[in-house]
Amino acid sequence: MSPALAGDRALIDFIGFSPDAKYFAFEEYGIQDGSGFPYSTIYVIDLANDAWVKGTPFRARAEDEYTPLLAIRAEAMSEAFATIDQYEISAPVDIAALIGDGVPDTDAKTLAFGRPGYEAGAVIEQRQLTLTSFPATSLEDCSGYFGSEPLGFALELSGGAEPVTVHRDEGALPRSRGCPLDYRLYAVVLPALDAPEGTGVAIVSVYPGGFEGPDRRFLAVPFAF
């Protein structure tokens, strides 16, 4: 029989956009595999440059398994609050599309979405994201993770005048990515209320090798439509 795998499946909380839709923040949190320690990481992203804001992300982790996850999440938010306030991240997130973790029979490689209209079920400017993966090199030694080589990914946006590649990994993967074994589309989020239209963020689940099995983390990929 194959050994049971029980990796660390992080959860996500969308914090919001800046009113001009130039910055975006989200939290990734969960219970670390192996140690069982709660953790929280808050990312603040410069969407125009597709990069973390200087001084981020903010990371908090318990030193034992008895500290409540809520306390660690509060610690991370306390550290991140000044930066979130500096970039005026106050516009809420509108979840335009979501592939929940319990949705069966999907490989999560495509996700259709559009701007929500005001009538029930109305969708404006429908688009589709398509995710593909391919062999890549990593700055880490990935030979020990389940005998699999690391994967990079590309993301294409279609439905407009012509398909557009919004992301494609080139060269060695960033060290923060680890040794990815798979990717899935998770969600498309848009700035809500009075924030400018035409900016979106694709949330991609990435599965790097972990201590007890593949972990799940998140990547935020900005795009225009």
Protein backbone atom coordinates (compact mmCIF):
# COMPACT_ATOMS: atom_id res chain seq x y z
CA MET A 1 0.00 0.00 0.00
CA SER A 2 1.14 3.57 -0.69
CA PRO A 3 1.85 5.75 2.35
CA ALA A 4 -0.85 8.25 3.28
CA LEU A 5 -0.03 11.86 2.49
CA ALA A 6 -1.32 14.71 4.62
CA GLY A 7 0.14 17.97 3.46
CA ASP A 8 -0.58 21.46 4.73
CA ARG A 9 -3.54 22.94 2.81
CA ALA A 10 -3.40 26.68 3.43
CA LEU A 11 -6.59 28.73 3.45
CA ILE A 12 -7.00 32.26 2.07
CA ASP A 13 -8.64 35.50 3.17
CA PHE A 14 -8.95 38.41 0.75
CA ILE A 15 -8.12 41.69 2.49
CA GLY A 16 -8.85 44.06 -0.41
CA PHE A 17 -7.63 46.54 -3.03
CA SER A 18 -6.51 50.13 -2.83
CA PRO A 19 -9.19 52.55 -4.15
CA ASP A 20 -7.17 53.07 -7.36
CA ALA A 21 -6.81 49.27 -7.79
CA LYS A 22 -3.01 49.55 -7.85
CA TYR A 23 -2.43 47.44 -4.74
CA PHE A 24 -3.94 44.21 -3.43
CA ALA A 25 -3.55 42.30 -0.17
CA PHE A 26 -4.47 38.82 0.98
CA GLU A 27 -3.74 36.47 3.87
CA GLU A 28 -2.64 32.84 3.62
CA TYR A 29 -2.98 30.85 6.84
CA GLY A 30 -3.26 27.37 8.30
CA ILE A 31 -1.59 24.68 10.38
CA GLN A 32 1.94 23.73 9.35
CA ASP A 33 2.48 20.08 8.46
CA GLY A 34 5.02 18.25 10.54
CA SER A 35 5.12 20.71 13.46
CA GLY A 36 1.39 21.35 13.75
CA PHE A 37 2.15 25.04 14.44
CA PRO A 38 -0.38 27.68 13.31
CA TYR A 39 0.89 30.29 10.83
CA SER A 40 -0.27 33.34 8.91
CA THR A 41 1.32 35.22 6.01
CA ILE A 42 0.01 38.54 4.68
CA TYR A 43 1.01 39.64 1.18
CA VAL A 44 0.73 43.21 -0.12
CA ILE A 45 1.20 43.32 -3.90
CA ASP A 46 2.05 46.14 -6.28
CA LEU A 47 -0.17 45.05 -9.18
CA ALA A 48 1.46 47.24 -11.83
CA ASN A 49 4.86 45.67 -11.17
CA ASP A 50 3.54 42.23 -10.16
CA ALA A 51 5.76 42.30 -7.09
CA TRP A 52 5.54 42.29 -3.32
CA VAL A 53 5.60 45.74 -1.73
CA LYS A 54 8.95 46.44 -0.06
CA GLY A 55 9.12 45.00 3.44
CA THR A 56 6.46 42.37 2.80
CA PRO A 57 5.20 39.68 3.23
CA PHE A 58 4.43 39.68 6.94
CA ARG A 59 4.81 36.26 8.55
CA ALA A 60 3.75 35.02 11.96
CA ARG A 61 4.07 31.47 13.27
CA ALA A 62 3.43 29.91 16.64
CA GLU A 63 6.25 28.14 18.45
CA ASP A 64 3.96 25.36 19.66
CA GLU A 65 0.75 23.63 18.62
CA TYR A 66 -1.23 25.07 21.55
CA THR A 67 -1.29 28.72 20.43
CA PRO A 68 -4.66 29.43 18.77
CA LEU A 69 -4.61 30.07 15.05
CA LEU A 70 -6.74 33.17 15.67
CA ALA A 71 -3.97 34.65 17.85
CA ILE A 72 -1.36 34.09 15.13
CA ARG A 73 -3.62 35.64 12.50
CA ALA A 74 -4.13 38.66 14.74
CA GLU A 75 -0.34 38.95 15.22
CA ALA A 76 0.28 38.96 11.47
CA MET A 77 -2.43 41.55 10.89
CA SER A 78 -1.02 43.73 13.65
CA GLU A 79 2.38 43.71 11.90
CA ALA A 80 0.84 44.35 8.48
CA PHE A 81 -1.66 47.02 9.46
CA ALA A 82 0.63 50.04 8.99
CA THR A 83 1.51 48.94 5.45
CA ILE A 84 -2.12 48.15 4.61
CA ASP A 85 -3.02 51.62 5.86
CA GLN A 86 -0.12 53.24 3.97
CA TYR A 87 -1.35 51.84 0.65
CA GLU A 88 -4.97 52.59 1.55
CA ILE A 89 -6.13 49.04 0.99
CA SER A 90 -9.77 49.64 1.80
CA ALA A 91 -11.76 48.63 -1.29
CA PRO A 92 -13.45 45.26 -0.71
CA VAL A 93 -13.01 42.28 -2.97
CA ASP A 94 -15.71 41.06 -5.34
CA ILE A 95 -15.24 37.33 -5.96
CA ALA A 96 -16.14 37.08 -9.65
CA ALA A 97 -15.52 33.33 -9.92
CA LEU A 98 -14.39 30.57 -7.59
CA ILE A 99 -13.53 26.89 -7.86
CA GLY A 100 -14.09 25.69 -4.30
CA ASP A 101 -11.97 22.92 -2.84
CA GLY A 102 -14.99 20.63 -2.66
CA VAL A 103 -15.99 20.93 -6.33
CA PRO A 104 -15.68 17.42 -7.87
CA ASP A 105 -14.61 16.41 -11.37
CA THR A 106 -12.60 19.47 -12.32
CA ASP A 107 -8.91 19.85 -13.02
CA ALA A 108 -9.23 23.61 -12.36
CA LYS A 109 -7.19 24.51 -15.43
CA THR A 110 -9.86 26.81 -16.89
CA LEU A 111 -12.09 29.38 -15.23
CA ALA A 112 -14.72 31.55 -16.94
CA PHE A 113 -15.67 34.87 -15.35
CA GLY A 114 -16.87 38.40 -16.04
CA ARG A 115 -17.82 41.53 -14.19
CA PRO A 116 -20.98 40.85 -12.18
CA GLY A 117 -24.00 42.81 -13.42
CA TYR A 118 -26.81 44.16 -11.29
CA GLU A 119 -29.46 41.72 -12.45
CA ALA A 120 -29.36 38.18 -11.10
CA GLY A 121 -26.88 36.11 -13.10
CA ALA A 122 -25.84 39.01 -15.35
CA VAL A 123 -22.21 38.85 -16.49
CA ILE A 124 -20.44 41.67 -18.34
CA GLU A 125 -17.35 41.23 -20.52
CA GLN A 126 -17.07 37.47 -20.17
CA ARG A 127 -13.52 36.10 -20.27
CA GLN A 128 -11.75 32.80 -19.62
CA LEU A 129 -8.46 32.01 -17.93
CA THR A 130 -6.52 28.92 -19.01
CA LEU A 131 -3.65 27.53 -16.92
CA THR A 132 -0.93 25.25 -18.28
CA SER A 133 2.13 23.84 -16.52
CA PHE A 134 5.50 22.69 -17.81
CA PRO A 135 8.88 21.44 -16.48
CA ALA A 136 10.99 24.17 -14.92
CA THR A 137 14.12 24.64 -12.84
CA SER A 138 14.12 25.68 -9.21
CA LEU A 139 16.59 27.44 -6.95
CA GLU A 140 15.94 24.63 -4.44
CA ASP A 141 17.01 20.99 -4.62
CA CYS A 142 13.73 19.29 -5.55
CA SER A 143 15.06 15.76 -6.05
CA GLY A 144 13.72 14.57 -2.71
CA TYR A 145 10.07 15.56 -3.28
CA PHE A 146 8.22 12.42 -4.42
CA GLY A 147 10.46 11.89 -7.45
CA SER A 148 8.86 14.75 -9.37
CA GLU A 149 10.58 17.59 -11.19
CA PRO A 150 9.37 21.14 -10.39
CA LEU A 151 6.76 22.73 -12.63
CA GLY A 152 6.28 26.30 -13.82
CA PHE A 153 3.03 27.68 -15.15
CA ALA A 154 1.54 29.99 -17.73
CA LEU A 155 -1.80 31.79 -17.64
CA GLU A 156 -3.70 32.92 -20.75
CA LEU A 157 -6.70 35.25 -20.88
CA SER A 158 -9.14 34.80 -23.77
CA GLY A 159 -12.51 36.23 -24.78
CA GLY A 160 -11.32 39.69 -25.80
CA ALA A 161 -10.02 40.76 -29.18
CA GLU A 162 -7.29 38.12 -29.01
CA PRO A 163 -5.78 35.80 -26.35
CA VAL A 164 -3.23 37.40 -24.04
CA THR A 165 -0.56 35.68 -21.96
CA VAL A 166 -0.83 37.35 -18.56
CA HIS A 167 1.92 35.27 -16.95
CA ARG A 168 4.57 32.76 -17.96
CA ASP A 169 7.42 31.57 -15.78
CA GLU A 170 10.82 32.19 -17.34
CA GLY A 171 14.15 30.93 -16.03
CA ALA A 172 14.49 29.48 -12.55
CA LEU A 173 11.43 29.62 -10.33
CA PRO A 174 11.63 32.06 -7.40
CA ARG A 175 12.87 30.51 -4.17
CA SER A 176 9.60 31.45 -2.48
CA ARG A 177 7.78 29.00 -4.81
CA GLY A 178 9.69 25.98 -3.50
CA CYS A 179 9.30 22.79 -5.58
CA PRO A 180 5.85 22.98 -7.20
CA LEU A 181 4.19 19.69 -8.13
CA ASP A 182 0.96 21.16 -9.53
CA TYR A 183 -1.12 24.31 -10.02
CA ARG A 184 -4.88 24.96 -10.06
CA LEU A 185 -7.00 28.02 -10.70
CA TYR A 186 -8.77 28.98 -7.48
CA ALA A 187 -10.54 32.30 -8.04
CA VAL A 188 -10.79 35.60 -9.87
CA VAL A 189 -11.22 38.64 -7.64
CA LEU A 190 -12.08 42.18 -8.71
CA PRO A 191 -12.09 45.50 -6.83
CA ALA A 192 -15.60 46.33 -5.65
CA LEU A 193 -17.70 49.45 -5.12
CA ASP A 194 -16.13 52.61 -6.59
CA ALA A 195 -12.72 51.14 -7.52
CA PRO A 196 -11.75 51.35 -11.22
CA GLU A 197 -12.93 48.59 -13.54
CA GLY A 198 -10.67 46.60 -15.84
CA THR A 199 -8.26 45.24 -13.19
CA GLY A 200 -8.43 41.70 -11.91
CA VAL A 201 -6.36 39.25 -9.91
CA ALA A 202 -6.25 35.53 -10.63
CA ILE A 203 -5.68 33.43 -7.52
CA VAL A 204 -3.67 30.32 -8.35
CA SER A 205 -3.21 27.41 -5.96
CA VAL A 206 0.35 26.08 -6.05
CA TYR A 207 1.33 22.74 -4.51
CA PRO A 208 4.99 22.63 -3.43
CA GLY A 209 6.43 19.53 -1.83
CA GLY A 210 6.12 19.57 1.95
CA PHE A 211 7.18 17.54 4.97
CA GLU A 212 4.19 15.14 4.91
CA GLY A 213 2.96 15.59 1.34
CA PRO A 214 2.18 18.34 -1.17
CA ASP A 215 1.33 21.60 0.57
CA ARG A 216 -1.05 24.21 -0.88
CA ARG A 217 -0.13 27.88 -1.12
CA PHE A 218 -1.47 30.78 -3.20
CA LEU A 219 -0.16 33.07 -5.93
CA ALA A 220 -1.84 36.32 -7.00
CA VAL A 221 -1.51 37.09 -10.73
CA PRO A 222 -2.71 40.56 -11.85
CA PHE A 223 -4.27 41.11 -15.27
CA ALA A 224 -6.25 43.73 -17.20
CA PHE A 225 -9.40 43.12 -19.23
